[in-house]
Amino acid sequence: MAFSIVGEITWREDVFDVFRANYSFVVGVAERRLDSKVDAEEIASEAFRLAWQRYDVGEALSVP
């Protein structure tokens, strides 16, 4: 299990891979619904925060 440092946060590589593979898709879907890139990025950030939080306590790694 590998780790990466992003800013002050330590990310496991598996979590970072899911983020990297899905971030653009999540932002794109949110942006089409909200007509705002800034709001879409905030929604995506929250979605990945929730995914990480649930994964951290043992749930499957998925984007809500």
PDB file of N, CA and C in Angstrom:
ATOM      1  N   MET A   1       0.850  -1.161   0.000  1.00  0.00           N
ATOM      2  CA  MET A   1       0.000   0.000   0.000  1.00  0.00           C
ATOM      3  C   MET A   1       0.905   1.237   0.000  1.00  0.00           C
ATOM      4  N   ALA A   2       0.812   2.064  -1.004  1.00  0.00           N
ATOM      5  CA  ALA A   2       1.656   3.243  -1.124  1.00  0.00           C
ATOM      6  C   ALA A   2       0.918   4.483  -0.637  1.00  0.00           C
ATOM      7  N   PHE A   3       1.680   5.460  -0.223  1.00  0.00           N
ATOM      8  CA  PHE A   3       1.111   6.715   0.241  1.00  0.00           C
ATOM      9  C   PHE A   3       1.727   7.863  -0.538  1.00  0.00           C
ATOM     10  N   SER A   4       0.975   8.946  -0.701  1.00  0.00           N
ATOM     11  CA  SER A   4       1.468  10.163  -1.335  1.00  0.00           C
ATOM     12  C   SER A   4       1.152  11.335  -0.431  1.00  0.00           C
ATOM     13  N   ILE A   5       1.963  12.354  -0.491  1.00  0.00           N
ATOM     14  CA  ILE A   5       1.696  13.571   0.263  1.00  0.00           C
ATOM     15  C   ILE A   5       1.158  14.611  -0.708  1.00  0.00           C
ATOM     16  N   VAL A   6      -0.018  15.133  -0.417  1.00  0.00           N
ATOM     17  CA  VAL A   6      -0.637  16.193  -1.210  1.00  0.00           C
ATOM     18  C   VAL A   6      -0.908  17.321  -0.232  1.00  0.00           C
ATOM     19  N   GLY A   7      -0.110  18.374  -0.307  1.00  0.00           N
ATOM     20  CA  GLY A   7      -0.237  19.439   0.690  1.00  0.00           C
ATOM     21  C   GLY A   7       0.092  18.854   2.051  1.00  0.00           C
ATOM     22  N   GLU A   8      -0.795  19.024   3.003  1.00  0.00           N
ATOM     23  CA  GLU A   8      -0.607  18.511   4.357  1.00  0.00           C
ATOM     24  C   GLU A   8      -1.310  17.165   4.556  1.00  0.00           C
ATOM     25  N   ILE A   9      -1.963  16.642   3.519  1.00  0.00           N
ATOM     26  CA  ILE A   9      -2.776  15.434   3.652  1.00  0.00           C
ATOM     27  C   ILE A   9      -2.011  14.238   3.092  1.00  0.00           C
ATOM     28  N   THR A  10      -2.030  13.129   3.794  1.00  0.00           N
ATOM     29  CA  THR A  10      -1.456  11.888   3.299  1.00  0.00           C
ATOM     30  C   THR A  10      -2.568  11.088   2.634  1.00  0.00           C
ATOM     31  N   TRP A  11      -2.366  10.735   1.360  1.00  0.00           N
ATOM     32  CA  TRP A  11      -3.360   9.981   0.590  1.00  0.00           C
ATOM     33  C   TRP A  11      -2.828   8.599   0.297  1.00  0.00           C
ATOM     34  N   ARG A  12      -3.658   7.604   0.469  1.00  0.00           N
ATOM     35  CA  ARG A  12      -3.300   6.272   0.004  1.00  0.00           C
ATOM     36  C   ARG A  12      -3.449   6.275  -1.500  1.00  0.00           C
ATOM     37  N   GLU A  13      -2.594   5.564  -2.174  1.00  0.00           N
ATOM     38  CA  GLU A  13      -2.607   5.542  -3.635  1.00  0.00           C
ATOM     39  C   GLU A  13      -3.933   5.053  -4.202  1.00  0.00           C
ATOM     40  N   ASP A  14      -4.582   4.087  -3.552  1.00  0.00           N
ATOM     41  CA  ASP A  14      -5.860   3.597  -4.079  1.00  0.00           C
ATOM     42  C   ASP A  14      -6.918   4.688  -4.047  1.00  0.00           C
ATOM     43  N   VAL A  15      -6.926   5.498  -3.015  1.00  0.00           N
ATOM     44  CA  VAL A  15      -7.875   6.608  -2.923  1.00  0.00           C
ATOM     45  C   VAL A  15      -7.542   7.649  -3.984  1.00  0.00           C
ATOM     46  N   PHE A  16      -6.279   7.951  -4.135  1.00  0.00           N
ATOM     47  CA  PHE A  16      -5.868   8.942  -5.123  1.00  0.00           C
ATOM     48  C   PHE A  16      -6.201   8.465  -6.539  1.00  0.00           C
ATOM     49  N   ASP A  17      -6.064   7.178  -6.795  1.00  0.00           N
ATOM     50  CA  ASP A  17      -6.415   6.636  -8.115  1.00  0.00           C
ATOM     51  C   ASP A  17      -7.899   6.829  -8.413  1.00  0.00           C
ATOM     52  N   VAL A  18      -8.754   6.590  -7.425  1.00  0.00           N
ATOM     53  CA  VAL A  18     -10.196   6.795  -7.619  1.00  0.00           C
ATOM     54  C   VAL A  18     -10.472   8.275  -7.866  1.00  0.00           C
ATOM     55  N   PHE A  19      -9.842   9.148  -7.098  1.00  0.00           N
ATOM     56  CA  PHE A  19     -10.005  10.590  -7.292  1.00  0.00           C
ATOM     57  C   PHE A  19      -9.581  10.985  -8.708  1.00  0.00           C
ATOM     58  N   ARG A  20      -8.395  10.577  -9.087  1.00  0.00           N
ATOM     59  CA  ARG A  20      -7.837  10.930 -10.395  1.00  0.00           C
ATOM     60  C   ARG A  20      -8.720  10.420 -11.536  1.00  0.00           C
ATOM     61  N   ALA A  21      -9.283   9.233 -11.376  1.00  0.00           N
ATOM     62  CA  ALA A  21     -10.098   8.626 -12.431  1.00  0.00           C
ATOM     63  C   ALA A  21     -11.502   9.214 -12.524  1.00  0.00           C
ATOM     64  N   ASN A  22     -12.000   9.819 -11.450  1.00  0.00           N
ATOM     65  CA  ASN A  22     -13.401  10.230 -11.416  1.00  0.00           C
ATOM     66  C   ASN A  22     -13.656  11.720 -11.229  1.00  0.00           C
ATOM     67  N   TYR A  23     -12.651  12.484 -10.847  1.00  0.00           N
ATOM     68  CA  TYR A  23     -12.874  13.901 -10.527  1.00  0.00           C
ATOM     69  C   TYR A  23     -13.490  14.668 -11.695  1.00  0.00           C
ATOM     70  N   SER A  24     -12.936  14.548 -12.871  1.00  0.00           N
ATOM     71  CA  SER A  24     -13.454  15.287 -14.033  1.00  0.00           C
ATOM     72  C   SER A  24     -14.901  14.910 -14.336  1.00  0.00           C
ATOM     73  N   PHE A  25     -15.216  13.635 -14.210  1.00  0.00           N
ATOM     74  CA  PHE A  25     -16.589  13.182 -14.456  1.00  0.00           C
ATOM     75  C   PHE A  25     -17.553  13.807 -13.440  1.00  0.00           C
ATOM     76  N   VAL A  26     -17.191  13.758 -12.167  1.00  0.00           N
ATOM     77  CA  VAL A  26     -18.056  14.299 -11.111  1.00  0.00           C
ATOM     78  C   VAL A  26     -18.244  15.801 -11.308  1.00  0.00           C
ATOM     79  N   VAL A  27     -17.164  16.519 -11.599  1.00  0.00           N
ATOM     80  CA  VAL A  27     -17.272  17.957 -11.846  1.00  0.00           C
ATOM     81  C   VAL A  27     -18.153  18.211 -13.070  1.00  0.00           C
ATOM     82  N   GLY A  28     -17.971  17.449 -14.129  1.00  0.00           N
ATOM     83  CA  GLY A  28     -18.753  17.635 -15.343  1.00  0.00           C
ATOM     84  C   GLY A  28     -20.247  17.450 -15.120  1.00  0.00           C
ATOM     85  N   VAL A  29     -20.611  16.401 -14.391  1.00  0.00           N
ATOM     86  CA  VAL A  29     -22.021  16.153 -14.101  1.00  0.00           C
ATOM     87  C   VAL A  29     -22.585  17.295 -13.254  1.00  0.00           C
ATOM     88  N   ALA A  30     -21.864  17.677 -12.211  1.00  0.00           N
ATOM     89  CA  ALA A  30     -22.336  18.758 -11.340  1.00  0.00           C
ATOM     90  C   ALA A  30     -22.430  20.080 -12.094  1.00  0.00           C
ATOM     91  N   GLU A  31     -21.473  20.349 -12.964  1.00  0.00           N
ATOM     92  CA  GLU A  31     -21.484  21.606 -13.711  1.00  0.00           C
ATOM     93  C   GLU A  31     -22.683  21.677 -14.662  1.00  0.00           C
ATOM     94  N   ARG A  32     -23.021  20.569 -15.284  1.00  0.00           N
ATOM     95  CA  ARG A  32     -24.204  20.561 -16.168  1.00  0.00           C
ATOM     96  C   ARG A  32     -25.477  20.830 -15.378  1.00  0.00           C
ATOM     97  N   ARG A  33     -25.532  20.357 -14.158  1.00  0.00           N
ATOM     98  CA  ARG A  33     -26.722  20.565 -13.325  1.00  0.00           C
ATOM     99  C   ARG A  33     -26.771  21.971 -12.725  1.00  0.00           C
ATOM    100  N   LEU A  34     -25.612  22.522 -12.387  1.00  0.00           N
ATOM    101  CA  LEU A  34     -25.555  23.787 -11.648  1.00  0.00           C
ATOM    102  C   LEU A  34     -25.225  24.996 -12.507  1.00  0.00           C
ATOM    103  N   ASP A  35     -24.728  24.786 -13.721  1.00  0.00           N
ATOM    104  CA  ASP A  35     -24.264  25.882 -14.584  1.00  0.00           C
ATOM    105  C   ASP A  35     -23.210  26.758 -13.920  1.00  0.00           C
ATOM    106  N   SER A  36     -22.376  26.152 -13.072  1.00  0.00           N
ATOM    107  CA  SER A  36     -21.313  26.888 -12.391  1.00  0.00           C
ATOM    108  C   SER A  36     -20.142  25.949 -12.126  1.00  0.00           C
ATOM    109  N   LYS A  37     -18.997  26.250 -12.729  1.00  0.00           N
ATOM    110  CA  LYS A  37     -17.804  25.418 -12.526  1.00  0.00           C
ATOM    111  C   LYS A  37     -17.336  25.481 -11.073  1.00  0.00           C
ATOM    112  N   VAL A  38     -17.389  26.672 -10.485  1.00  0.00           N
ATOM    113  CA  VAL A  38     -16.950  26.833  -9.092  1.00  0.00           C
ATOM    114  C   VAL A  38     -17.809  25.982  -8.155  1.00  0.00           C
ATOM    115  N   ASP A  39     -19.132  26.060  -8.319  1.00  0.00           N
ATOM    116  CA  ASP A  39     -20.025  25.254  -7.487  1.00  0.00           C
ATOM    117  C   ASP A  39     -19.817  23.767  -7.750  1.00  0.00           C
ATOM    118  N   ALA A  40     -19.603  23.406  -8.999  1.00  0.00           N
ATOM    119  CA  ALA A  40     -19.381  22.006  -9.352  1.00  0.00           C
ATOM    120  C   ALA A  40     -18.114  21.472  -8.684  1.00  0.00           C
ATOM    121  N   GLU A  41     -17.061  22.264  -8.654  1.00  0.00           N
ATOM    122  CA  GLU A  41     -15.818  21.845  -8.004  1.00  0.00           C
ATOM    123  C   GLU A  41     -16.014  21.687  -6.499  1.00  0.00           C
ATOM    124  N   GLU A  42     -16.819  22.552  -5.901  1.00  0.00           N
ATOM    125  CA  GLU A  42     -17.118  22.426  -4.472  1.00  0.00           C
ATOM    126  C   GLU A  42     -17.905  21.146  -4.189  1.00  0.00           C
ATOM    127  N   ILE A  43     -18.876  20.851  -5.046  1.00  0.00           N
ATOM    128  CA  ILE A  43     -19.666  19.626  -4.891  1.00  0.00           C
ATOM    129  C   ILE A  43     -18.760  18.404  -5.046  1.00  0.00           C
ATOM    130  N   ALA A  44     -17.883  18.419  -6.031  1.00  0.00           N
ATOM    131  CA  ALA A  44     -16.958  17.298  -6.239  1.00  0.00           C
ATOM    132  C   ALA A  44     -16.048  17.122  -5.035  1.00  0.00           C
ATOM    133  N   SER A  45     -15.545  18.212  -4.502  1.00  0.00           N
ATOM    134  CA  SER A  45     -14.682  18.135  -3.315  1.00  0.00           C
ATOM    135  C   SER A  45     -15.425  17.495  -2.155  1.00  0.00           C
ATOM    136  N   GLU A  46     -16.660  17.889  -1.969  1.00  0.00           N
ATOM    137  CA  GLU A  46     -17.460  17.319  -0.880  1.00  0.00           C
ATOM    138  C   GLU A  46     -17.740  15.835  -1.127  1.00  0.00           C
ATOM    139  N   ALA A  47     -18.031  15.466  -2.358  1.00  0.00           N
ATOM    140  CA  ALA A  47     -18.283  14.060  -2.685  1.00  0.00           C
ATOM    141  C   ALA A  47     -17.059  13.202  -2.368  1.00  0.00           C
ATOM    142  N   PHE A  48     -15.880  13.683  -2.737  1.00  0.00           N
ATOM    143  CA  PHE A  48     -14.665  12.913  -2.472  1.00  0.00           C
ATOM    144  C   PHE A  48     -14.310  12.926  -0.993  1.00  0.00           C
ATOM    145  N   ARG A  49     -14.621  14.008  -0.286  1.00  0.00           N
ATOM    146  CA  ARG A  49     -14.395  14.045   1.163  1.00  0.00           C
ATOM    147  C   ARG A  49     -15.258  12.978   1.835  1.00  0.00           C
ATOM    148  N   LEU A  50     -16.525  12.893   1.423  1.00  0.00           N
ATOM    149  CA  LEU A  50     -17.421  11.884   1.994  1.00  0.00           C
ATOM    150  C   LEU A  50     -16.960  10.469   1.649  1.00  0.00           C
ATOM    151  N   ALA A  51     -16.505  10.278   0.414  1.00  0.00           N
ATOM    152  CA  ALA A  51     -16.001   8.959   0.007  1.00  0.00           C
ATOM    153  C   ALA A  51     -14.811   8.553   0.866  1.00  0.00           C
ATOM    154  N   TRP A  52     -13.871   9.484   1.064  1.00  0.00           N
ATOM    155  CA  TRP A  52     -12.691   9.205   1.884  1.00  0.00           C
ATOM    156  C   TRP A  52     -13.093   8.917   3.323  1.00  0.00           C
ATOM    157  N   GLN A  53     -14.016   9.710   3.866  1.00  0.00           N
ATOM    158  CA  GLN A  53     -14.467   9.533   5.242  1.00  0.00           C
ATOM    159  C   GLN A  53     -15.091   8.149   5.438  1.00  0.00           C
ATOM    160  N   ARG A  54     -15.937   7.736   4.516  1.00  0.00           N
ATOM    161  CA  ARG A  54     -16.564   6.416   4.627  1.00  0.00           C
ATOM    162  C   ARG A  54     -15.541   5.299   4.438  1.00  0.00           C
ATOM    163  N   TYR A  55     -14.623   5.486   3.497  1.00  0.00           N
ATOM    164  CA  TYR A  55     -13.579   4.485   3.255  1.00  0.00           C
ATOM    165  C   TYR A  55     -12.673   4.339   4.474  1.00  0.00           C
ATOM    166  N   ASP A  56     -12.407   5.439   5.119  1.00  0.00           N
ATOM    167  CA  ASP A  56     -11.531   5.456   6.289  1.00  0.00           C
ATOM    168  C   ASP A  56     -12.094   4.635   7.441  1.00  0.00           C
ATOM    169  N   VAL A  57     -13.413   4.469   7.493  1.00  0.00           N
ATOM    170  CA  VAL A  57     -14.024   3.671   8.565  1.00  0.00           C
ATOM    171  C   VAL A  57     -14.408   2.270   8.092  1.00  0.00           C
ATOM    172  N   GLY A  58     -13.945   1.885   6.880  1.00  0.00           N
ATOM    173  CA  GLY A  58     -14.108   0.515   6.434  1.00  0.00           C
ATOM    174  C   GLY A  58     -15.137   0.264   5.360  1.00  0.00           C
ATOM    175  N   GLU A  59     -15.832   1.300   4.891  1.00  0.00           N
ATOM    176  CA  GLU A  59     -16.797   1.093   3.821  1.00  0.00           C
ATOM    177  C   GLU A  59     -16.061   1.000   2.471  1.00  0.00           C
ATOM    178  N   ALA A  60     -16.758   0.513   1.475  1.00  0.00           N
ATOM    179  CA  ALA A  60     -16.180   0.405   0.132  1.00  0.00           C
ATOM    180  C   ALA A  60     -15.838   1.786  -0.406  1.00  0.00           C
ATOM    181  N   LEU A  61     -14.778   1.852  -1.178  1.00  0.00           N
ATOM    182  CA  LEU A  61     -14.359   3.111  -1.778  1.00  0.00           C
ATOM    183  C   LEU A  61     -15.212   3.386  -3.013  1.00  0.00           C
ATOM    184  N   SER A  62     -16.049   4.410  -2.919  1.00  0.00           N
ATOM    185  CA  SER A  62     -16.904   4.793  -4.043  1.00  0.00           C
ATOM    186  C   SER A  62     -17.231   6.272  -3.910  1.00  0.00           C
ATOM    187  N   VAL A  63     -17.610   6.841  -5.022  1.00  0.00           N
ATOM    188  CA  VAL A  63     -17.996   8.257  -5.025  1.00  0.00           C
ATOM    189  C   VAL A  63     -19.514   8.309  -4.922  1.00  0.00           C
ATOM    190  N   PRO A  64     -20.033   9.065  -3.927  1.00  0.00           N
ATOM    191  CA  PRO A  64     -21.494   9.120  -3.748  1.00  0.00           C
ATOM    192  C   PRO A  64     -22.189   9.758  -4.934  1.00  0.00           C
TER     193      PRO A  64
END
